[in-house]
Amino acid sequence: MKQKKPTKPYPDFPLYAHSAGVWAKKIRGKLYYFGPWSDYKTALEKYLAERDFLYAGKPPPSPHGVELLELADQYMDSKLSAMESGELSRQHYLDCKRDVQMAVDVLGPRRPVRTLSLDDFRRLRGEIVKDRNATTITNIIKRLRAMFAWGKDPAKLLDDVPEYGGEFSPPPLRVRRKALRSGGPRDLKADEILAVLTAAKAGAHGQLLNLRAMTVTRCSRRNSARRSGPVAYVP
């Protein structure tokens, strides 16, 4: 027999009895549930604790601490501000965004950061190493570890960074050196140097001026060491 909907416990009660057997409320066009009909007091407490976040369009805080998606969103907001102010290159921002999204997809957006285990980081690292060389793996791991470090300080979202153990470390240095050697010569010829300088100078909003300065500096140092004409080493 279908249970009859209860009336509100008092006229100003902010929730309504939903046919699913719970107290509910629609906020910003989305329906939220706060608890069963039989316990309107707990439902009200949950609503009062979460309403400010929901009306602001933000996920309410988890009782288990900051969730991975919240950390990722705030971290990328900080990176976006740094890029817009010219402190961060667009490419670095895009690399961070890609890597952070990978971590969220693998570990789960609602996962409380403080519950991440060695097995989780082993699983994440297993995804990172697929079809990537040692240098790329190292860069991705460093960028993700930087996110967790940022969450502790300066963001103060985390009490501490997760325990990685040995499950989330870059490849050994000898492996990275071997990967660099396998890439072959990285010297640029004079016409290639000019192409780099031209592209850097034409960069929008000066985003590539650092590349231009680095190229000129590297050219000068390389040429001083080799005395063999205009050859540059660009990392």
C-alpha atoms as a PDB file:
ATOM      1  CA  MET A   1       0.000   0.000   0.000  1.00  0.00           C
ATOM      2  CA  LYS A   2       1.354   3.380  -0.989  1.00  0.00           C
ATOM      3  CA  GLN A   3       2.363   5.495   2.000  1.00  0.00           C
ATOM      4  CA  LYS A   4       0.529   8.763   2.383  1.00  0.00           C
ATOM      5  CA  LYS A   5       2.671  11.872   2.197  1.00  0.00           C
ATOM      6  CA  PRO A   6       3.073  13.628   5.547  1.00  0.00           C
ATOM      7  CA  THR A   7       2.222  17.253   6.043  1.00  0.00           C
ATOM      8  CA  LYS A   8       4.940  19.733   6.947  1.00  0.00           C
ATOM      9  CA  PRO A   9       5.868  19.557  10.640  1.00  0.00           C
ATOM     10  CA  TYR A  10       5.222  23.321  10.833  1.00  0.00           C
ATOM     11  CA  PRO A  11       4.121  25.933   8.268  1.00  0.00           C
ATOM     12  CA  ASP A  12       7.557  27.488   7.634  1.00  0.00           C
ATOM     13  CA  PHE A  13       9.349  24.148   7.185  1.00  0.00           C
ATOM     14  CA  PRO A  14      11.555  24.746   4.071  1.00  0.00           C
ATOM     15  CA  LEU A  15      11.317  21.224   2.603  1.00  0.00           C
ATOM     16  CA  TYR A  16       8.466  19.329   1.014  1.00  0.00           C
ATOM     17  CA  ALA A  17       7.499  15.675   1.148  1.00  0.00           C
ATOM     18  CA  HIS A  18       8.643  14.002  -2.065  1.00  0.00           C
ATOM     19  CA  SER A  19       6.895  10.875  -3.334  1.00  0.00           C
ATOM     20  CA  ALA A  20      10.196   8.964  -2.996  1.00  0.00           C
ATOM     21  CA  GLY A  21       9.679   9.024   0.773  1.00  0.00           C
ATOM     22  CA  VAL A  22      12.114  11.824   1.515  1.00  0.00           C
ATOM     23  CA  TRP A  23      12.118  15.511   2.327  1.00  0.00           C
ATOM     24  CA  ALA A  24      13.295  17.464  -0.697  1.00  0.00           C
ATOM     25  CA  LYS A  25      13.814  20.915  -2.181  1.00  0.00           C
ATOM     26  CA  LYS A  26      14.560  22.256  -5.657  1.00  0.00           C
ATOM     27  CA  ILE A  27      17.541  24.620  -5.702  1.00  0.00           C
ATOM     28  CA  ARG A  28      18.815  26.349  -8.831  1.00  0.00           C
ATOM     29  CA  GLY A  29      16.604  24.078 -10.940  1.00  0.00           C
ATOM     30  CA  LYS A  30      17.933  20.840  -9.417  1.00  0.00           C
ATOM     31  CA  LEU A  31      16.165  18.578  -6.926  1.00  0.00           C
ATOM     32  CA  TYR A  32      17.963  17.624  -3.718  1.00  0.00           C
ATOM     33  CA  TYR A  33      16.987  15.049  -1.084  1.00  0.00           C
ATOM     34  CA  PHE A  34      17.719  15.604   2.612  1.00  0.00           C
ATOM     35  CA  GLY A  35      16.349  12.644   4.515  1.00  0.00           C
ATOM     36  CA  PRO A  36      13.371  10.325   5.078  1.00  0.00           C
ATOM     37  CA  TRP A  37       9.919  11.479   6.095  1.00  0.00           C
ATOM     38  CA  SER A  38      10.339   9.742   9.456  1.00  0.00           C
ATOM     39  CA  ASP A  39      13.198  12.055  10.550  1.00  0.00           C
ATOM     40  CA  TYR A  40      12.413  15.599   9.536  1.00  0.00           C
ATOM     41  CA  LYS A  41      14.806  17.083  12.124  1.00  0.00           C
ATOM     42  CA  THR A  42      17.873  15.385  10.615  1.00  0.00           C
ATOM     43  CA  ALA A  43      16.673  16.346   7.120  1.00  0.00           C
ATOM     44  CA  LEU A  44      16.385  19.958   8.227  1.00  0.00           C
ATOM     45  CA  GLU A  45      19.874  19.912   9.769  1.00  0.00           C
ATOM     46  CA  LYS A  46      21.319  18.548   6.520  1.00  0.00           C
ATOM     47  CA  TYR A  47      19.513  21.217   4.501  1.00  0.00           C
ATOM     48  CA  LEU A  48      20.718  24.050   6.747  1.00  0.00           C
ATOM     49  CA  ALA A  49      24.310  22.751   6.568  1.00  0.00           C
ATOM     50  CA  GLU A  50      24.308  22.526   2.781  1.00  0.00           C
ATOM     51  CA  ARG A  51      21.970  25.237   1.510  1.00  0.00           C
ATOM     52  CA  ASP A  52      24.521  28.058   1.216  1.00  0.00           C
ATOM     53  CA  PHE A  53      26.780  25.883  -0.935  1.00  0.00           C
ATOM     54  CA  LEU A  54      23.891  24.638  -3.082  1.00  0.00           C
ATOM     55  CA  TYR A  55      22.489  28.113  -3.689  1.00  0.00           C
ATOM     56  CA  ALA A  56      25.986  29.251  -4.666  1.00  0.00           C
ATOM     57  CA  GLY A  57      26.196  26.405  -7.174  1.00  0.00           C
ATOM     58  CA  LYS A  58      28.967  24.634  -5.262  1.00  0.00           C
ATOM     59  CA  PRO A  59      29.076  21.090  -3.884  1.00  0.00           C
ATOM     60  CA  PRO A  60      28.606  20.948  -0.108  1.00  0.00           C
ATOM     61  CA  PRO A  61      31.614  19.869   1.912  1.00  0.00           C
ATOM     62  CA  SER A  62      31.986  16.161   2.496  1.00  0.00           C
ATOM     63  CA  PRO A  63      31.934  14.954   6.120  1.00  0.00           C
ATOM     64  CA  HIS A  64      35.115  13.069   5.207  1.00  0.00           C
ATOM     65  CA  GLY A  65      36.987  16.205   4.122  1.00  0.00           C
ATOM     66  CA  VAL A  66      37.755  17.871   0.793  1.00  0.00           C
ATOM     67  CA  GLU A  67      36.851  15.801  -2.241  1.00  0.00           C
ATOM     68  CA  LEU A  68      39.189  15.430  -5.184  1.00  0.00           C
ATOM     69  CA  LEU A  69      36.982  17.377  -7.609  1.00  0.00           C
ATOM     70  CA  GLU A  70      36.814  20.363  -5.246  1.00  0.00           C
ATOM     71  CA  LEU A  71      40.595  20.360  -4.844  1.00  0.00           C
ATOM     72  CA  ALA A  72      41.045  20.043  -8.614  1.00  0.00           C
ATOM     73  CA  ASP A  73      38.605  22.867  -9.392  1.00  0.00           C
ATOM     74  CA  GLN A  74      40.206  25.296  -6.958  1.00  0.00           C
ATOM     75  CA  TYR A  75      43.699  24.357  -8.094  1.00  0.00           C
ATOM     76  CA  MET A  76      42.834  24.961 -11.748  1.00  0.00           C
ATOM     77  CA  ASP A  77      41.189  28.275 -10.833  1.00  0.00           C
ATOM     78  CA  SER A  78      44.522  29.353  -9.348  1.00  0.00           C
ATOM     79  CA  LYS A  79      46.361  28.183 -12.476  1.00  0.00           C
ATOM     80  CA  LEU A  80      43.927  30.070 -14.701  1.00  0.00           C
ATOM     81  CA  SER A  81      44.535  33.277 -12.749  1.00  0.00           C
ATOM     82  CA  ALA A  82      48.296  32.747 -13.066  1.00  0.00           C
ATOM     83  CA  MET A  83      47.994  32.239 -16.818  1.00  0.00           C
ATOM     84  CA  GLU A  84      45.810  35.325 -17.274  1.00  0.00           C
ATOM     85  CA  SER A  85      48.330  37.433 -15.353  1.00  0.00           C
ATOM     86  CA  GLY A  86      51.180  36.165 -17.515  1.00  0.00           C
ATOM     87  CA  GLU A  87      52.846  34.194 -14.715  1.00  0.00           C
ATOM     88  CA  LEU A  88      52.097  30.865 -16.383  1.00  0.00           C
ATOM     89  CA  SER A  89      52.235  29.815 -20.023  1.00  0.00           C
ATOM     90  CA  ARG A  90      49.087  28.626 -21.753  1.00  0.00           C
ATOM     91  CA  GLN A  91      50.738  25.300 -22.553  1.00  0.00           C
ATOM     92  CA  HIS A  92      51.595  24.663 -18.909  1.00  0.00           C
ATOM     93  CA  TYR A  93      48.007  25.492 -17.942  1.00  0.00           C
ATOM     94  CA  LEU A  94      46.645  23.056 -20.540  1.00  0.00           C
ATOM     95  CA  ASP A  95      49.073  20.348 -19.382  1.00  0.00           C
ATOM     96  CA  CYS A  96      47.914  20.809 -15.778  1.00  0.00           C
ATOM     97  CA  LYS A  97      44.260  20.720 -16.825  1.00  0.00           C
ATOM     98  CA  ARG A  98      44.760  17.474 -18.759  1.00  0.00           C
ATOM     99  CA  ASP A  99      46.694  15.802 -15.946  1.00  0.00           C
ATOM    100  CA  VAL A 100      44.260  16.878 -13.218  1.00  0.00           C
ATOM    101  CA  GLN A 101      41.317  15.602 -15.262  1.00  0.00           C
ATOM    102  CA  MET A 102      43.088  12.253 -15.625  1.00  0.00           C
ATOM    103  CA  ALA A 103      43.475  12.014 -11.839  1.00  0.00           C
ATOM    104  CA  VAL A 104      39.796  12.868 -11.285  1.00  0.00           C
ATOM    105  CA  ASP A 105      38.685  10.294 -13.862  1.00  0.00           C
ATOM    106  CA  VAL A 106      40.852   7.525 -12.398  1.00  0.00           C
ATOM    107  CA  LEU A 107      40.336   8.181  -8.680  1.00  0.00           C
ATOM    108  CA  GLY A 108      36.770   9.511  -8.786  1.00  0.00           C
ATOM    109  CA  PRO A 109      35.495  13.093  -8.415  1.00  0.00           C
ATOM    110  CA  ARG A 110      33.735  12.486  -5.083  1.00  0.00           C
ATOM    111  CA  ARG A 111      36.672  10.737  -3.464  1.00  0.00           C
ATOM    112  CA  PRO A 112      37.798  12.459  -0.249  1.00  0.00           C
ATOM    113  CA  VAL A 113      41.476  13.272  -0.658  1.00  0.00           C
ATOM    114  CA  ARG A 114      42.385  12.101   2.829  1.00  0.00           C
ATOM    115  CA  THR A 115      41.104   8.596   2.029  1.00  0.00           C
ATOM    116  CA  LEU A 116      43.457   8.093  -0.938  1.00  0.00           C
ATOM    117  CA  SER A 117      45.654   5.059  -0.392  1.00  0.00           C
ATOM    118  CA  LEU A 118      48.836   3.609  -1.833  1.00  0.00           C
ATOM    119  CA  ASP A 119      46.684   1.350  -4.017  1.00  0.00           C
ATOM    120  CA  ASP A 120      44.956   4.422  -5.475  1.00  0.00           C
ATOM    121  CA  PHE A 121      48.250   6.051  -6.403  1.00  0.00           C
ATOM    122  CA  ARG A 122      49.532   2.773  -7.816  1.00  0.00           C
ATOM    123  CA  ARG A 123      46.417   2.638 -10.009  1.00  0.00           C
ATOM    124  CA  LEU A 124      46.810   6.264 -11.077  1.00  0.00           C
ATOM    125  CA  ARG A 125      50.464   5.749 -11.937  1.00  0.00           C
ATOM    126  CA  GLY A 126      49.515   2.688 -13.981  1.00  0.00           C
ATOM    127  CA  GLU A 127      47.282   4.908 -16.105  1.00  0.00           C
ATOM    128  CA  ILE A 128      49.964   7.593 -16.456  1.00  0.00           C
ATOM    129  CA  VAL A 129      52.661   5.238 -17.748  1.00  0.00           C
ATOM    130  CA  LYS A 130      50.534   3.905 -20.622  1.00  0.00           C
ATOM    131  CA  ASP A 131      52.210   4.776 -23.946  1.00  0.00           C
ATOM    132  CA  ARG A 132      54.304   7.570 -22.420  1.00  0.00           C
ATOM    133  CA  ASN A 133      58.052   7.981 -22.157  1.00  0.00           C
ATOM    134  CA  ALA A 134      59.944   8.483 -18.907  1.00  0.00           C
ATOM    135  CA  THR A 135      60.226  12.261 -19.300  1.00  0.00           C
ATOM    136  CA  THR A 136      56.484  12.719 -19.859  1.00  0.00           C
ATOM    137  CA  ILE A 137      55.649  10.396 -16.958  1.00  0.00           C
ATOM    138  CA  THR A 138      57.946  12.405 -14.694  1.00  0.00           C
ATOM    139  CA  ASN A 139      56.346  15.719 -15.690  1.00  0.00           C
ATOM    140  CA  ILE A 140      52.791  14.445 -15.136  1.00  0.00           C
ATOM    141  CA  ILE A 141      53.603  13.018 -11.699  1.00  0.00           C
ATOM    142  CA  LYS A 142      55.324  16.244 -10.677  1.00  0.00           C
ATOM    143  CA  ARG A 143      52.345  18.327 -11.789  1.00  0.00           C
ATOM    144  CA  LEU A 144      49.874  16.159  -9.869  1.00  0.00           C
ATOM    145  CA  ARG A 145      51.993  16.085  -6.734  1.00  0.00           C
ATOM    146  CA  ALA A 146      52.175  19.881  -7.002  1.00  0.00           C
ATOM    147  CA  MET A 147      48.360  20.001  -6.857  1.00  0.00           C
ATOM    148  CA  PHE A 148      48.264  18.081  -3.568  1.00  0.00           C
ATOM    149  CA  ALA A 149      51.083  20.214  -2.150  1.00  0.00           C
ATOM    150  CA  TRP A 150      49.149  23.358  -3.143  1.00  0.00           C
ATOM    151  CA  GLY A 151      46.070  21.967  -1.392  1.00  0.00           C
ATOM    152  CA  LYS A 152      48.020  21.886   1.881  1.00  0.00           C
ATOM    153  CA  ASP A 153      49.857  25.154   1.455  1.00  0.00           C
ATOM    154  CA  PRO A 154      48.980  27.828   0.429  1.00  0.00           C
ATOM    155  CA  ALA A 155      45.336  26.802  -0.094  1.00  0.00           C
ATOM    156  CA  LYS A 156      44.902  25.219   3.373  1.00  0.00           C
ATOM    157  CA  LEU A 157      42.321  22.809   1.968  1.00  0.00           C
ATOM    158  CA  LEU A 158      44.194  19.745   3.221  1.00  0.00           C
ATOM    159  CA  ASP A 159      45.676  19.029   6.611  1.00  0.00           C
ATOM    160  CA  ASP A 160      48.482  17.157   4.901  1.00  0.00           C
ATOM    161  CA  VAL A 161      49.496  15.782   1.508  1.00  0.00           C
ATOM    162  CA  PRO A 162      48.586  12.140   0.814  1.00  0.00           C
ATOM    163  CA  GLU A 163      50.986   9.332   1.630  1.00  0.00           C
ATOM    164  CA  TYR A 164      52.417   8.280  -1.735  1.00  0.00           C
ATOM    165  CA  GLY A 165      54.891   5.713  -0.463  1.00  0.00           C
ATOM    166  CA  GLY A 166      56.883   4.503  -3.431  1.00  0.00           C
ATOM    167  CA  GLU A 167      53.776   4.181  -5.578  1.00  0.00           C
ATOM    168  CA  PHE A 168      53.735   7.659  -7.078  1.00  0.00           C
ATOM    169  CA  SER A 169      57.337   8.511  -7.805  1.00  0.00           C
ATOM    170  CA  PRO A 170      58.882   9.503 -11.162  1.00  0.00           C
ATOM    171  CA  PRO A 171      60.905   6.893 -13.048  1.00  0.00           C
ATOM    172  CA  PRO A 172      64.511   6.506 -11.816  1.00  0.00           C
ATOM    173  CA  LEU A 173      67.024   9.057 -13.084  1.00  0.00           C
ATOM    174  CA  ARG A 174      68.880   6.444 -15.144  1.00  0.00           C
ATOM    175  CA  VAL A 175      65.639   5.646 -16.996  1.00  0.00           C
ATOM    176  CA  ARG A 176      64.974   9.328 -17.676  1.00  0.00           C
ATOM    177  CA  ARG A 177      68.523   9.851 -18.949  1.00  0.00           C
ATOM    178  CA  LYS A 178      68.147   6.883 -21.270  1.00  0.00           C
ATOM    179  CA  ALA A 179      64.893   8.342 -22.613  1.00  0.00           C
ATOM    180  CA  LEU A 180      66.602  11.674 -23.294  1.00  0.00           C
ATOM    181  CA  ARG A 181      69.474   9.979 -25.125  1.00  0.00           C
ATOM    182  CA  SER A 182      67.081   7.922 -27.219  1.00  0.00           C
ATOM    183  CA  GLY A 183      65.539  11.123 -28.581  1.00  0.00           C
ATOM    184  CA  GLY A 184      68.621  11.815 -30.687  1.00  0.00           C
ATOM    185  CA  PRO A 185      70.354  15.185 -31.238  1.00  0.00           C
ATOM    186  CA  ARG A 186      68.501  18.238 -29.978  1.00  0.00           C
ATOM    187  CA  ASP A 187      70.680  20.918 -31.546  1.00  0.00           C
ATOM    188  CA  LEU A 188      68.987  23.461 -33.794  1.00  0.00           C
ATOM    189  CA  LYS A 189      70.444  24.894 -36.955  1.00  0.00           C
ATOM    190  CA  ALA A 190      70.604  28.621 -37.639  1.00  0.00           C
ATOM    191  CA  ASP A 191      67.408  28.734 -39.736  1.00  0.00           C
ATOM    192  CA  GLU A 192      65.557  26.757 -37.037  1.00  0.00           C
ATOM    193  CA  ILE A 193      66.754  29.177 -34.355  1.00  0.00           C
ATOM    194  CA  LEU A 194      65.463  32.119 -36.390  1.00  0.00           C
ATOM    195  CA  ALA A 195      62.089  30.380 -36.795  1.00  0.00           C
ATOM    196  CA  VAL A 196      61.846  29.912 -33.020  1.00  0.00           C
ATOM    197  CA  LEU A 197      62.733  33.557 -32.362  1.00  0.00           C
ATOM    198  CA  THR A 198      60.234  34.793 -34.944  1.00  0.00           C
ATOM    199  CA  ALA A 199      57.425  32.657 -33.506  1.00  0.00           C
ATOM    200  CA  ALA A 200      58.263  33.774 -29.965  1.00  0.00           C
ATOM    201  CA  LYS A 201      58.246  37.426 -30.933  1.00  0.00           C
ATOM    202  CA  ALA A 202      54.839  37.041 -32.601  1.00  0.00           C
ATOM    203  CA  GLY A 203      53.286  35.360 -29.538  1.00  0.00           C
ATOM    204  CA  ALA A 204      50.040  36.939 -28.400  1.00  0.00           C
ATOM    205  CA  HIS A 205      50.228  39.076 -25.233  1.00  0.00           C
ATOM    206  CA  GLY A 206      53.915  38.318 -24.860  1.00  0.00           C
ATOM    207  CA  GLN A 207      53.197  34.749 -23.773  1.00  0.00           C
ATOM    208  CA  LEU A 208      56.220  33.460 -25.693  1.00  0.00           C
ATOM    209  CA  LEU A 209      58.703  36.171 -24.822  1.00  0.00           C
ATOM    210  CA  ASN A 210      60.234  33.913 -22.170  1.00  0.00           C
ATOM    211  CA  LEU A 211      60.934  31.384 -24.921  1.00  0.00           C
ATOM    212  CA  ARG A 212      62.660  34.076 -26.973  1.00  0.00           C
ATOM    213  CA  ALA A 213      64.877  35.130 -24.063  1.00  0.00           C
ATOM    214  CA  MET A 214      65.684  31.502 -23.225  1.00  0.00           C
ATOM    215  CA  THR A 215      66.618  30.753 -26.838  1.00  0.00           C
ATOM    216  CA  VAL A 216      68.948  33.755 -27.061  1.00  0.00           C
ATOM    217  CA  THR A 217      70.554  32.874 -23.727  1.00  0.00           C
ATOM    218  CA  ARG A 218      71.049  29.241 -24.711  1.00  0.00           C
ATOM    219  CA  CYS A 219      72.517  30.262 -28.061  1.00  0.00           C
ATOM    220  CA  SER A 220      75.042  32.524 -26.365  1.00  0.00           C
ATOM    221  CA  ARG A 221      76.088  29.907 -23.814  1.00  0.00           C
ATOM    222  CA  ARG A 222      76.243  27.105 -26.347  1.00  0.00           C
ATOM    223  CA  ASN A 223      78.252  29.131 -28.817  1.00  0.00           C
ATOM    224  CA  SER A 224      80.682  30.284 -26.117  1.00  0.00           C
ATOM    225  CA  ALA A 225      81.275  26.689 -25.116  1.00  0.00           C
ATOM    226  CA  ARG A 226      81.592  25.245 -28.618  1.00  0.00           C
ATOM    227  CA  ARG A 227      82.888  28.187 -30.686  1.00  0.00           C
ATOM    228  CA  SER A 228      81.378  26.496 -33.710  1.00  0.00           C
ATOM    229  CA  GLY A 229      78.824  28.862 -35.113  1.00  0.00           C
ATOM    230  CA  PRO A 230      75.163  29.660 -34.374  1.00  0.00           C
ATOM    231  CA  VAL A 231      73.893  26.453 -32.803  1.00  0.00           C
ATOM    232  CA  ALA A 232      71.448  26.425 -29.874  1.00  0.00           C
ATOM    233  CA  TYR A 233      70.274  23.803 -27.461  1.00  0.00           C
ATOM    234  CA  VAL A 234      66.599  24.182 -26.606  1.00  0.00           C
ATOM    235  CA  PRO A 235      65.291  21.898 -23.845  1.00  0.00           C
END
